[in-house]
Amino acid sequence: MLLFDLGKLPGQQSMLIFHALAGLGIEALVIVSPKIPLVSIGYFQDAEQEVDLPYCRESGIPFMRREVGGGATYLDENQVFYQLIWRKITKIPKSDPRHLPVVFRSSCGDL
């Protein structure tokens, strides 16, 4: 597994990197912060209902739809995000979510 500690990237690039890695089948841990604020919308969400899109447009806040589910979120440089990307064939230990350190160690080793 690769480690990408990317620091701060321009808004949407901070989200697009994990989509690109997944599409390429590259397993990685990505650590990143968006340099420019943006709104990220979940794959199955109705953007018009979940986000004030006119306000975003008027305020110059970009928005994008993720290729994964979850709720809409506002992201900015005061937050640090991590994404773990695994190929579907990778064996991930089944574990209680409260034991995420076990999953990290088994997947990432000593990154």
PDB file of N, CA and C in Angstrom:
ATOM      1  N   MET A   1       0.845  -1.177   0.000  1.00  0.00           N
ATOM      2  CA  MET A   1       0.000   0.000   0.000  1.00  0.00           C
ATOM      3  C   MET A   1       0.889   1.237   0.000  1.00  0.00           C
ATOM      4  N   LEU A   2       0.496   2.211  -0.817  1.00  0.00           N
ATOM      5  CA  LEU A   2       1.250   3.459  -0.926  1.00  0.00           C
ATOM      6  C   LEU A   2       0.688   4.504   0.031  1.00  0.00           C
ATOM      7  N   LEU A   3       1.540   5.421   0.425  1.00  0.00           N
ATOM      8  CA  LEU A   3       1.131   6.548   1.256  1.00  0.00           C
ATOM      9  C   LEU A   3       1.289   7.819   0.439  1.00  0.00           C
ATOM     10  N   PHE A   4       0.219   8.609   0.373  1.00  0.00           N
ATOM     11  CA  PHE A   4       0.253   9.915  -0.274  1.00  0.00           C
ATOM     12  C   PHE A   4      -0.114  10.953   0.776  1.00  0.00           C
ATOM     13  N   ASP A   5       0.880  11.632   1.341  1.00  0.00           N
ATOM     14  CA  ASP A   5       0.654  12.723   2.286  1.00  0.00           C
ATOM     15  C   ASP A   5       0.758  14.004   1.468  1.00  0.00           C
ATOM     16  N   LEU A   6      -0.374  14.506   1.012  1.00  0.00           N
ATOM     17  CA  LEU A   6      -0.410  15.539  -0.010  1.00  0.00           C
ATOM     18  C   LEU A   6      -0.497  16.973   0.517  1.00  0.00           C
ATOM     19  N   GLY A   7      -0.607  17.126   1.819  1.00  0.00           N
ATOM     20  CA  GLY A   7      -0.728  18.478   2.354  1.00  0.00           C
ATOM     21  C   GLY A   7      -2.028  19.109   1.903  1.00  0.00           C
ATOM     22  N   LYS A   8      -1.952  20.352   1.413  1.00  0.00           N
ATOM     23  CA  LYS A   8      -3.155  21.065   0.956  1.00  0.00           C
ATOM     24  C   LYS A   8      -3.164  21.128  -0.569  1.00  0.00           C
ATOM     25  N   LEU A   9      -4.281  20.715  -1.142  1.00  0.00           N
ATOM     26  CA  LEU A   9      -4.471  20.770  -2.595  1.00  0.00           C
ATOM     27  C   LEU A   9      -5.662  21.657  -2.914  1.00  0.00           C
ATOM     28  N   PRO A  10      -5.683  22.258  -4.098  1.00  0.00           N
ATOM     29  CA  PRO A  10      -6.846  23.042  -4.492  1.00  0.00           C
ATOM     30  C   PRO A  10      -8.125  22.210  -4.376  1.00  0.00           C
ATOM     31  N   GLY A  11      -9.176  22.836  -3.831  1.00  0.00           N
ATOM     32  CA  GLY A  11     -10.485  22.248  -3.605  1.00  0.00           C
ATOM     33  C   GLY A  11     -10.768  20.864  -4.129  1.00  0.00           C
ATOM     34  N   GLN A  12     -11.262  20.799  -5.374  1.00  0.00           N
ATOM     35  CA  GLN A  12     -11.723  19.533  -5.912  1.00  0.00           C
ATOM     36  C   GLN A  12     -10.599  18.529  -6.111  1.00  0.00           C
ATOM     37  N   GLN A  13      -9.383  18.980  -6.322  1.00  0.00           N
ATOM     38  CA  GLN A  13      -8.275  18.042  -6.465  1.00  0.00           C
ATOM     39  C   GLN A  13      -8.092  17.202  -5.210  1.00  0.00           C
ATOM     40  N   SER A  14      -8.405  17.791  -4.049  1.00  0.00           N
ATOM     41  CA  SER A  14      -8.261  17.042  -2.801  1.00  0.00           C
ATOM     42  C   SER A  14      -9.212  15.852  -2.753  1.00  0.00           C
ATOM     43  N   MET A  15     -10.319  15.916  -3.479  1.00  0.00           N
ATOM     44  CA  MET A  15     -11.279  14.812  -3.538  1.00  0.00           C
ATOM     45  C   MET A  15     -11.017  13.909  -4.740  1.00  0.00           C
ATOM     46  N   LEU A  16     -10.586  14.487  -5.834  1.00  0.00           N
ATOM     47  CA  LEU A  16     -10.428  13.711  -7.065  1.00  0.00           C
ATOM     48  C   LEU A  16      -9.315  12.681  -6.974  1.00  0.00           C
ATOM     49  N   ILE A  17      -8.327  12.921  -6.124  1.00  0.00           N
ATOM     50  CA  ILE A  17      -7.189  12.006  -6.045  1.00  0.00           C
ATOM     51  C   ILE A  17      -7.622  10.596  -5.640  1.00  0.00           C
ATOM     52  N   PHE A  18      -8.522  10.477  -4.657  1.00  0.00           N
ATOM     53  CA  PHE A  18      -8.895   9.114  -4.247  1.00  0.00           C
ATOM     54  C   PHE A  18      -9.792   8.452  -5.288  1.00  0.00           C
ATOM     55  N   HIS A  19     -10.560   9.228  -6.038  1.00  0.00           N
ATOM     56  CA  HIS A  19     -11.343   8.647  -7.130  1.00  0.00           C
ATOM     57  C   HIS A  19     -10.400   8.099  -8.210  1.00  0.00           C
ATOM     58  N   ALA A  20      -9.361   8.865  -8.534  1.00  0.00           N
ATOM     59  CA  ALA A  20      -8.412   8.441  -9.562  1.00  0.00           C
ATOM     60  C   ALA A  20      -7.661   7.184  -9.129  1.00  0.00           C
ATOM     61  N   LEU A  21      -7.176   7.155  -7.895  1.00  0.00           N
ATOM     62  CA  LEU A  21      -6.449   5.983  -7.413  1.00  0.00           C
ATOM     63  C   LEU A  21      -7.324   4.736  -7.443  1.00  0.00           C
ATOM     64  N   ALA A  22      -8.570   4.880  -7.010  1.00  0.00           N
ATOM     65  CA  ALA A  22      -9.486   3.742  -7.023  1.00  0.00           C
ATOM     66  C   ALA A  22      -9.718   3.267  -8.452  1.00  0.00           C
ATOM     67  N   GLY A  23      -9.906   4.198  -9.373  1.00  0.00           N
ATOM     68  CA  GLY A  23     -10.123   3.841 -10.768  1.00  0.00           C
ATOM     69  C   GLY A  23      -8.935   3.127 -11.385  1.00  0.00           C
ATOM     70  N   LEU A  24      -7.739   3.462 -10.905  1.00  0.00           N
ATOM     71  CA  LEU A  24      -6.522   2.820 -11.397  1.00  0.00           C
ATOM     72  C   LEU A  24      -6.193   1.526 -10.652  1.00  0.00           C
ATOM     73  N   GLY A  25      -6.967   1.225  -9.614  1.00  0.00           N
ATOM     74  CA  GLY A  25      -6.716   0.012  -8.845  1.00  0.00           C
ATOM     75  C   GLY A  25      -5.495   0.099  -7.952  1.00  0.00           C
ATOM     76  N   ILE A  26      -5.146   1.300  -7.524  1.00  0.00           N
ATOM     77  CA  ILE A  26      -3.968   1.505  -6.683  1.00  0.00           C
ATOM     78  C   ILE A  26      -4.403   1.586  -5.226  1.00  0.00           C
ATOM     79  N   GLU A  27      -3.860   0.679  -4.408  1.00  0.00           N
ATOM     80  CA  GLU A  27      -4.167   0.709  -2.979  1.00  0.00           C
ATOM     81  C   GLU A  27      -3.314   1.775  -2.317  1.00  0.00           C
ATOM     82  N   ALA A  28      -3.943   2.606  -1.510  1.00  0.00           N
ATOM     83  CA  ALA A  28      -3.205   3.720  -0.918  1.00  0.00           C
ATOM     84  C   ALA A  28      -3.931   4.274   0.296  1.00  0.00           C
ATOM     85  N   LEU A  29      -3.160   4.955   1.112  1.00  0.00           N
ATOM     86  CA  LEU A  29      -3.676   5.802   2.173  1.00  0.00           C
ATOM     87  C   LEU A  29      -3.365   7.222   1.735  1.00  0.00           C
ATOM     88  N   VAL A  30      -4.400   8.047   1.602  1.00  0.00           N
ATOM     89  CA  VAL A  30      -4.244   9.437   1.173  1.00  0.00           C
ATOM     90  C   VAL A  30      -4.570  10.344   2.353  1.00  0.00           C
ATOM     91  N   ILE A  31      -3.680  11.271   2.639  1.00  0.00           N
ATOM     92  CA  ILE A  31      -3.901  12.275   3.680  1.00  0.00           C
ATOM     93  C   ILE A  31      -3.848  13.635   2.988  1.00  0.00           C
ATOM     94  N   VAL A  32      -4.910  14.425   3.150  1.00  0.00           N
ATOM     95  CA  VAL A  32      -5.005  15.665   2.377  1.00  0.00           C
ATOM     96  C   VAL A  32      -5.958  16.648   3.050  1.00  0.00           C
ATOM     97  N   SER A  33      -5.746  17.923   2.759  1.00  0.00           N
ATOM     98  CA  SER A  33      -6.666  19.000   3.150  1.00  0.00           C
ATOM     99  C   SER A  33      -6.963  19.822   1.910  1.00  0.00           C
ATOM    100  N   PRO A  34      -8.201  20.277   1.754  1.00  0.00           N
ATOM    101  CA  PRO A  34      -8.506  21.149   0.617  1.00  0.00           C
ATOM    102  C   PRO A  34      -8.023  22.575   0.902  1.00  0.00           C
ATOM    103  N   LYS A  35      -7.230  23.112  -0.003  1.00  0.00           N
ATOM    104  CA  LYS A  35      -6.738  24.491   0.147  1.00  0.00           C
ATOM    105  C   LYS A  35      -7.868  25.495  -0.051  1.00  0.00           C
ATOM    106  N   ILE A  36      -8.797  25.149  -0.940  1.00  0.00           N
ATOM    107  CA  ILE A  36      -9.940  26.000  -1.257  1.00  0.00           C
ATOM    108  C   ILE A  36     -11.197  25.270  -0.789  1.00  0.00           C
ATOM    109  N   PRO A  37     -12.105  25.936  -0.069  1.00  0.00           N
ATOM    110  CA  PRO A  37     -13.319  25.264   0.397  1.00  0.00           C
ATOM    111  C   PRO A  37     -14.143  24.693  -0.757  1.00  0.00           C
ATOM    112  N   LEU A  38     -14.844  23.614  -0.466  1.00  0.00           N
ATOM    113  CA  LEU A  38     -15.774  23.034  -1.425  1.00  0.00           C
ATOM    114  C   LEU A  38     -16.832  22.243  -0.688  1.00  0.00           C
ATOM    115  N   VAL A  39     -17.896  21.920  -1.389  1.00  0.00           N
ATOM    116  CA  VAL A  39     -18.955  21.075  -0.862  1.00  0.00           C
ATOM    117  C   VAL A  39     -18.907  19.765  -1.628  1.00  0.00           C
ATOM    118  N   SER A  40     -18.912  18.670  -0.892  1.00  0.00           N
ATOM    119  CA  SER A  40     -18.877  17.336  -1.469  1.00  0.00           C
ATOM    120  C   SER A  40     -20.240  16.684  -1.250  1.00  0.00           C
ATOM    121  N   ILE A  41     -20.848  16.209  -2.333  1.00  0.00           N
ATOM    122  CA  ILE A  41     -22.205  15.656  -2.289  1.00  0.00           C
ATOM    123  C   ILE A  41     -22.131  14.154  -2.514  1.00  0.00           C
ATOM    124  N   GLY A  42     -22.823  13.386  -1.674  1.00  0.00           N
ATOM    125  CA  GLY A  42     -22.824  11.935  -1.789  1.00  0.00           C
ATOM    126  C   GLY A  42     -23.455  11.461  -3.087  1.00  0.00           C
ATOM    127  N   TYR A  43     -23.021  10.303  -3.543  1.00  0.00           N
ATOM    128  CA  TYR A  43     -23.441   9.749  -4.830  1.00  0.00           C
ATOM    129  C   TYR A  43     -24.959   9.663  -4.981  1.00  0.00           C
ATOM    130  N   PHE A  44     -25.652   9.259  -3.930  1.00  0.00           N
ATOM    131  CA  PHE A  44     -27.090   9.024  -4.023  1.00  0.00           C
ATOM    132  C   PHE A  44     -27.941  10.212  -3.564  1.00  0.00           C
ATOM    133  N   GLN A  45     -27.315  11.295  -3.206  1.00  0.00           N
ATOM    134  CA  GLN A  45     -28.060  12.438  -2.685  1.00  0.00           C
ATOM    135  C   GLN A  45     -28.663  13.292  -3.792  1.00  0.00           C
ATOM    136  N   ASP A  46     -29.774  13.931  -3.476  1.00  0.00           N
ATOM    137  CA  ASP A  46     -30.377  14.921  -4.345  1.00  0.00           C
ATOM    138  C   ASP A  46     -29.725  16.257  -3.982  1.00  0.00           C
ATOM    139  N   ALA A  47     -28.834  16.721  -4.840  1.00  0.00           N
ATOM    140  CA  ALA A  47     -28.048  17.927  -4.543  1.00  0.00           C
ATOM    141  C   ALA A  47     -28.938  19.134  -4.262  1.00  0.00           C
ATOM    142  N   GLU A  48     -30.023  19.269  -5.002  1.00  0.00           N
ATOM    143  CA  GLU A  48     -30.923  20.413  -4.818  1.00  0.00           C
ATOM    144  C   GLU A  48     -31.563  20.418  -3.429  1.00  0.00           C
ATOM    145  N   GLN A  49     -31.811  19.242  -2.871  1.00  0.00           N
ATOM    146  CA  GLN A  49     -32.430  19.153  -1.548  1.00  0.00           C
ATOM    147  C   GLN A  49     -31.417  19.262  -0.420  1.00  0.00           C
ATOM    148  N   GLU A  50     -30.207  18.806  -0.657  1.00  0.00           N
ATOM    149  CA  GLU A  50     -29.220  18.720   0.407  1.00  0.00           C
ATOM    150  C   GLU A  50     -28.319  19.942   0.549  1.00  0.00           C
ATOM    151  N   VAL A  51     -28.138  20.670  -0.531  1.00  0.00           N
ATOM    152  CA  VAL A  51     -27.163  21.767  -0.549  1.00  0.00           C
ATOM    153  C   VAL A  51     -27.829  23.020  -1.116  1.00  0.00           C
ATOM    154  N   ASP A  52     -27.503  24.163  -0.558  1.00  0.00           N
ATOM    155  CA  ASP A  52     -27.982  25.442  -1.084  1.00  0.00           C
ATOM    156  C   ASP A  52     -27.084  25.811  -2.273  1.00  0.00           C
ATOM    157  N   LEU A  53     -27.389  25.233  -3.429  1.00  0.00           N
ATOM    158  CA  LEU A  53     -26.552  25.430  -4.613  1.00  0.00           C
ATOM    159  C   LEU A  53     -26.500  26.882  -5.075  1.00  0.00           C
ATOM    160  N   PRO A  54     -27.616  27.632  -5.049  1.00  0.00           N
ATOM    161  CA  PRO A  54     -27.517  29.048  -5.425  1.00  0.00           C
ATOM    162  C   PRO A  54     -26.524  29.808  -4.527  1.00  0.00           C
ATOM    163  N   TYR A  55     -26.546  29.507  -3.221  1.00  0.00           N
ATOM    164  CA  TYR A  55     -25.603  30.175  -2.311  1.00  0.00           C
ATOM    165  C   TYR A  55     -24.166  29.802  -2.679  1.00  0.00           C
ATOM    166  N   CYS A  56     -23.931  28.537  -2.947  1.00  0.00           N
ATOM    167  CA  CYS A  56     -22.584  28.100  -3.335  1.00  0.00           C
ATOM    168  C   CYS A  56     -22.121  28.837  -4.587  1.00  0.00           C
ATOM    169  N   ARG A  57     -22.995  28.929  -5.584  1.00  0.00           N
ATOM    170  CA  ARG A  57     -22.642  29.631  -6.830  1.00  0.00           C
ATOM    171  C   ARG A  57     -22.344  31.107  -6.560  1.00  0.00           C
ATOM    172  N   GLU A  58     -23.221  31.759  -5.804  1.00  0.00           N
ATOM    173  CA  GLU A  58     -23.044  33.190  -5.499  1.00  0.00           C
ATOM    174  C   GLU A  58     -21.779  33.444  -4.685  1.00  0.00           C
ATOM    175  N   SER A  59     -21.425  32.505  -3.829  1.00  0.00           N
ATOM    176  CA  SER A  59     -20.269  32.666  -2.947  1.00  0.00           C
ATOM    177  C   SER A  59     -18.981  32.113  -3.541  1.00  0.00           C
ATOM    178  N   GLY A  60     -19.075  31.524  -4.728  1.00  0.00           N
ATOM    179  CA  GLY A  60     -17.880  30.969  -5.368  1.00  0.00           C
ATOM    180  C   GLY A  60     -17.371  29.699  -4.707  1.00  0.00           C
ATOM    181  N   ILE A  61     -18.265  28.976  -4.033  1.00  0.00           N
ATOM    182  CA  ILE A  61     -17.873  27.716  -3.386  1.00  0.00           C
ATOM    183  C   ILE A  61     -18.157  26.582  -4.365  1.00  0.00           C
ATOM    184  N   PRO A  62     -17.110  25.914  -4.860  1.00  0.00           N
ATOM    185  CA  PRO A  62     -17.348  24.819  -5.789  1.00  0.00           C
ATOM    186  C   PRO A  62     -18.015  23.640  -5.084  1.00  0.00           C
ATOM    187  N   PHE A  63     -18.716  22.832  -5.855  1.00  0.00           N
ATOM    188  CA  PHE A  63     -19.330  21.622  -5.309  1.00  0.00           C
ATOM    189  C   PHE A  63     -19.118  20.499  -6.312  1.00  0.00           C
ATOM    190  N   MET A  64     -19.082  19.300  -5.792  1.00  0.00           N
ATOM    191  CA  MET A  64     -18.883  18.133  -6.649  1.00  0.00           C
ATOM    192  C   MET A  64     -19.610  16.934  -6.054  1.00  0.00           C
ATOM    193  N   ARG A  65     -19.955  16.002  -6.912  1.00  0.00           N
ATOM    194  CA  ARG A  65     -20.572  14.755  -6.460  1.00  0.00           C
ATOM    195  C   ARG A  65     -19.478  13.701  -6.358  1.00  0.00           C
ATOM    196  N   ARG A  66     -19.435  13.042  -5.199  1.00  0.00           N
ATOM    197  CA  ARG A  66     -18.492  11.943  -5.011  1.00  0.00           C
ATOM    198  C   ARG A  66     -18.980  10.696  -5.737  1.00  0.00           C
ATOM    199  N   GLU A  67     -18.078   9.781  -5.995  1.00  0.00           N
ATOM    200  CA  GLU A  67     -18.436   8.492  -6.582  1.00  0.00           C
ATOM    201  C   GLU A  67     -18.796   7.480  -5.500  1.00  0.00           C
ATOM    202  N   VAL A  68     -18.893   7.930  -4.274  1.00  0.00           N
ATOM    203  CA  VAL A  68     -19.286   7.083  -3.147  1.00  0.00           C
ATOM    204  C   VAL A  68     -20.423   7.769  -2.401  1.00  0.00           C
ATOM    205  N   GLY A  69     -21.118   7.006  -1.585  1.00  0.00           N
ATOM    206  CA  GLY A  69     -22.265   7.533  -0.857  1.00  0.00           C
ATOM    207  C   GLY A  69     -21.865   8.401   0.323  1.00  0.00           C
ATOM    208  N   GLY A  70     -22.824   8.587   1.211  1.00  0.00           N
ATOM    209  CA  GLY A  70     -22.610   9.423   2.386  1.00  0.00           C
ATOM    210  C   GLY A  70     -23.290  10.760   2.231  1.00  0.00           C
ATOM    211  N   GLY A  71     -23.209  11.549   3.275  1.00  0.00           N
ATOM    212  CA  GLY A  71     -23.877  12.838   3.298  1.00  0.00           C
ATOM    213  C   GLY A  71     -23.050  13.954   2.703  1.00  0.00           C
ATOM    214  N   ALA A  72     -23.733  15.051   2.402  1.00  0.00           N
ATOM    215  CA  ALA A  72     -23.053  16.236   1.897  1.00  0.00           C
ATOM    216  C   ALA A  72     -22.184  16.827   3.006  1.00  0.00           C
ATOM    217  N   THR A  73     -21.013  17.302   2.638  1.00  0.00           N
ATOM    218  CA  THR A  73     -20.095  17.876   3.610  1.00  0.00           C
ATOM    219  C   THR A  73     -19.453  19.140   3.047  1.00  0.00           C
ATOM    220  N   TYR A  74     -19.164  20.061   3.958  1.00  0.00           N
ATOM    221  CA  TYR A  74     -18.399  21.261   3.620  1.00  0.00           C
ATOM    222  C   TYR A  74     -16.962  20.978   4.034  1.00  0.00           C
ATOM    223  N   LEU A  75     -16.033  21.179   3.120  1.00  0.00           N
ATOM    224  CA  LEU A  75     -14.624  20.885   3.374  1.00  0.00           C
ATOM    225  C   LEU A  75     -13.808  22.162   3.239  1.00  0.00           C
ATOM    226  N   ASP A  76     -12.849  22.348   4.158  1.00  0.00           N
ATOM    227  CA  ASP A  76     -11.952  23.494   4.022  1.00  0.00           C
ATOM    228  C   ASP A  76     -10.582  23.150   4.591  1.00  0.00           C
ATOM    229  N   GLU A  77      -9.665  24.112   4.535  1.00  0.00           N
ATOM    230  CA  GLU A  77      -8.267  23.866   4.906  1.00  0.00           C
ATOM    231  C   GLU A  77      -8.058  23.607   6.396  1.00  0.00           C
ATOM    232  N   ASN A  78      -9.069  23.815   7.201  1.00  0.00           N
ATOM    233  CA  ASN A  78      -8.950  23.554   8.638  1.00  0.00           C
ATOM    234  C   ASN A  78      -9.245  22.104   8.997  1.00  0.00           C
ATOM    235  N   GLN A  79      -9.437  21.264   7.996  1.00  0.00           N
ATOM    236  CA  GLN A  79      -9.738  19.859   8.208  1.00  0.00           C
ATOM    237  C   GLN A  79      -8.682  19.008   7.504  1.00  0.00           C
ATOM    238  N   VAL A  80      -8.360  17.875   8.096  1.00  0.00           N
ATOM    239  CA  VAL A  80      -7.458  16.914   7.481  1.00  0.00           C
ATOM    240  C   VAL A  80      -8.266  15.650   7.215  1.00  0.00           C
ATOM    241  N   PHE A  81      -8.184  15.154   5.994  1.00  0.00           N
ATOM    242  CA  PHE A  81      -8.949  13.980   5.598  1.00  0.00           C
ATOM    243  C   PHE A  81      -8.009  12.839   5.254  1.00  0.00           C
ATOM    244  N   TYR A  82      -8.496  11.644   5.473  1.00  0.00           N
ATOM    245  CA  TYR A  82      -7.759  10.487   4.982  1.00  0.00           C
ATOM    246  C   TYR A  82      -8.728   9.591   4.238  1.00  0.00           C
ATOM    247  N   GLN A  83      -8.213   8.965   3.218  1.00  0.00           N
ATOM    248  CA  GLN A  83      -8.989   7.988   2.465  1.00  0.00           C
ATOM    249  C   GLN A  83      -8.140   6.732   2.336  1.00  0.00           C
ATOM    250  N   LEU A  84      -8.741   5.605   2.605  1.00  0.00           N
ATOM    251  CA  LEU A  84      -8.097   4.309   2.383  1.00  0.00           C
ATOM    252  C   LEU A  84      -8.715   3.704   1.139  1.00  0.00           C
ATOM    253  N   ILE A  85      -7.878   3.360   0.195  1.00  0.00           N
ATOM    254  CA  ILE A  85      -8.354   2.778  -1.050  1.00  0.00           C
ATOM    255  C   ILE A  85      -7.839   1.348  -1.131  1.00  0.00           C
ATOM    256  N   TRP A  86      -8.780   0.407  -1.228  1.00  0.00           N
ATOM    257  CA  TRP A  86      -8.440  -1.009  -1.390  1.00  0.00           C
ATOM    258  C   TRP A  86      -9.063  -1.528  -2.669  1.00  0.00           C
ATOM    259  N   ARG A  87      -8.388  -2.479  -3.308  1.00  0.00           N
ATOM    260  CA  ARG A  87      -9.013  -3.200  -4.422  1.00  0.00           C
ATOM    261  C   ARG A  87     -10.050  -4.147  -3.831  1.00  0.00           C
ATOM    262  N   LYS A  88     -11.061  -4.489  -4.601  1.00  0.00           N
ATOM    263  CA  LYS A  88     -12.128  -5.353  -4.103  1.00  0.00           C
ATOM    264  C   LYS A  88     -11.608  -6.714  -3.660  1.00  0.00           C
ATOM    265  N   ILE A  89     -10.528  -7.185  -4.266  1.00  0.00           N
ATOM    266  CA  ILE A  89     -10.030  -8.524  -3.937  1.00  0.00           C
ATOM    267  C   ILE A  89      -9.186  -8.556  -2.667  1.00  0.00           C
ATOM    268  N   THR A  90      -8.844  -7.404  -2.132  1.00  0.00           N
ATOM    269  CA  THR A  90      -8.010  -7.345  -0.934  1.00  0.00           C
ATOM    270  C   THR A  90      -8.790  -7.850   0.271  1.00  0.00           C
ATOM    271  N   LYS A  91      -8.162  -8.724   1.032  1.00  0.00           N
ATOM    272  CA  LYS A  91      -8.786  -9.262   2.242  1.00  0.00           C
ATOM    273  C   LYS A  91      -8.604  -8.250   3.381  1.00  0.00           C
ATOM    274  N   ILE A  92      -9.696  -7.703   3.826  1.00  0.00           N
ATOM    275  CA  ILE A  92      -9.678  -6.752   4.932  1.00  0.00           C
ATOM    276  C   ILE A  92     -10.247  -7.469   6.142  1.00  0.00           C
ATOM    277  N   PRO A  93      -9.546  -7.453   7.260  1.00  0.00           N
ATOM    278  CA  PRO A  93     -10.062  -8.172   8.426  1.00  0.00           C
ATOM    279  C   PRO A  93     -11.429  -7.660   8.843  1.00  0.00           C
ATOM    280  N   LYS A  94     -12.315  -8.590   9.097  1.00  0.00           N
ATOM    281  CA  LYS A  94     -13.629  -8.192   9.605  1.00  0.00           C
ATOM    282  C   LYS A  94     -13.432  -7.843  11.072  1.00  0.00           C
ATOM    283  N   SER A  95     -13.807  -6.640  11.399  1.00  0.00           N
ATOM    284  CA  SER A  95     -13.537  -6.146  12.740  1.00  0.00           C
ATOM    285  C   SER A  95     -14.631  -5.179  13.154  1.00  0.00           C
ATOM    286  N   ASP A  96     -14.836  -5.098  14.417  1.00  0.00           N
ATOM    287  CA  ASP A  96     -15.737  -4.102  14.977  1.00  0.00           C
ATOM    288  C   ASP A  96     -15.172  -2.729  14.597  1.00  0.00           C
ATOM    289  N   PRO A  97     -16.011  -1.814  14.072  1.00  0.00           N
ATOM    290  CA  PRO A  97     -15.505  -0.503  13.663  1.00  0.00           C
ATOM    291  C   PRO A  97     -14.753   0.239  14.767  1.00  0.00           C
ATOM    292  N   ARG A  98     -14.999  -0.126  16.024  1.00  0.00           N
ATOM    293  CA  ARG A  98     -14.278   0.533  17.114  1.00  0.00           C
ATOM    294  C   ARG A  98     -12.825   0.074  17.159  1.00  0.00           C
ATOM    295  N   HIS A  99     -12.485  -0.935  16.369  1.00  0.00           N
ATOM    296  CA  HIS A  99     -11.123  -1.459  16.356  1.00  0.00           C
ATOM    297  C   HIS A  99     -10.414  -1.123  15.050  1.00  0.00           C
ATOM    298  N   LEU A 100     -10.640   0.071  14.557  1.00  0.00           N
ATOM    299  CA  LEU A 100     -10.016   0.479  13.307  1.00  0.00           C
ATOM    300  C   LEU A 100      -8.492   0.399  13.324  1.00  0.00           C
ATOM    301  N   PRO A 101      -7.818   0.605  14.464  1.00  0.00           N
ATOM    302  CA  PRO A 101      -6.359   0.450  14.437  1.00  0.00           C
ATOM    303  C   PRO A 101      -5.925  -0.927  13.940  1.00  0.00           C
ATOM    304  N   VAL A 102      -6.706  -1.950  14.210  1.00  0.00           N
ATOM    305  CA  VAL A 102      -6.375  -3.297  13.717  1.00  0.00           C
ATOM    306  C   VAL A 102      -6.440  -3.327  12.202  1.00  0.00           C
ATOM    307  N   VAL A 103      -7.461  -2.705  11.636  1.00  0.00           N
ATOM    308  CA  VAL A 103      -7.604  -2.667  10.189  1.00  0.00           C
ATOM    309  C   VAL A 103      -6.462  -1.869   9.578  1.00  0.00           C
ATOM    310  N   PHE A 104      -6.113  -0.722  10.152  1.00  0.00           N
ATOM    311  CA  PHE A 104      -5.012   0.094   9.642  1.00  0.00           C
ATOM    312  C   PHE A 104      -3.698  -0.682   9.659  1.00  0.00           C
ATOM    313  N   ARG A 105      -3.399  -1.312  10.796  1.00  0.00           N
ATOM    314  CA  ARG A 105      -2.136  -2.049  10.903  1.00  0.00           C
ATOM    315  C   ARG A 105      -2.064  -3.187   9.903  1.00  0.00           C
ATOM    316  N   SER A 106      -3.159  -3.916   9.741  1.00  0.00           N
ATOM    317  CA  SER A 106      -3.120  -5.046   8.825  1.00  0.00           C
ATOM    318  C   SER A 106      -3.035  -4.596   7.375  1.00  0.00           C
ATOM    319  N   SER A 107      -3.536  -3.422   7.053  1.00  0.00           N
ATOM    320  CA  SER A 107      -3.530  -2.936   5.681  1.00  0.00           C
ATOM    321  C   SER A 107      -2.329  -2.057   5.353  1.00  0.00           C
ATOM    322  N   CYS A 108      -1.962  -1.231   6.308  1.00  0.00           N
ATOM    323  CA  CYS A 108      -0.945  -0.214   6.029  1.00  0.00           C
ATOM    324  C   CYS A 108       0.424  -0.544   6.608  1.00  0.00           C
ATOM    325  N   GLY A 109       0.487  -1.537   7.476  1.00  0.00           N
ATOM    326  CA  GLY A 109       1.773  -1.872   8.077  1.00  0.00           C
ATOM    327  C   GLY A 109       2.342  -0.686   8.820  1.00  0.00           C
ATOM    328  N   ASP A 110       3.605  -0.373   8.527  1.00  0.00           N
ATOM    329  CA  ASP A 110       4.291   0.703   9.231  1.00  0.00           C
ATOM    330  C   ASP A 110       4.370   1.991   8.422  1.00  0.00           C
ATOM    331  N   LEU A 111       3.364   2.257   7.586  1.00  0.00           N
ATOM    332  CA  LEU A 111       3.412   3.491   6.798  1.00  0.00           C
ATOM    333  C   LEU A 111       3.687   4.613   7.687  1.00  0.00           C
TER     334      LEU A 111
END
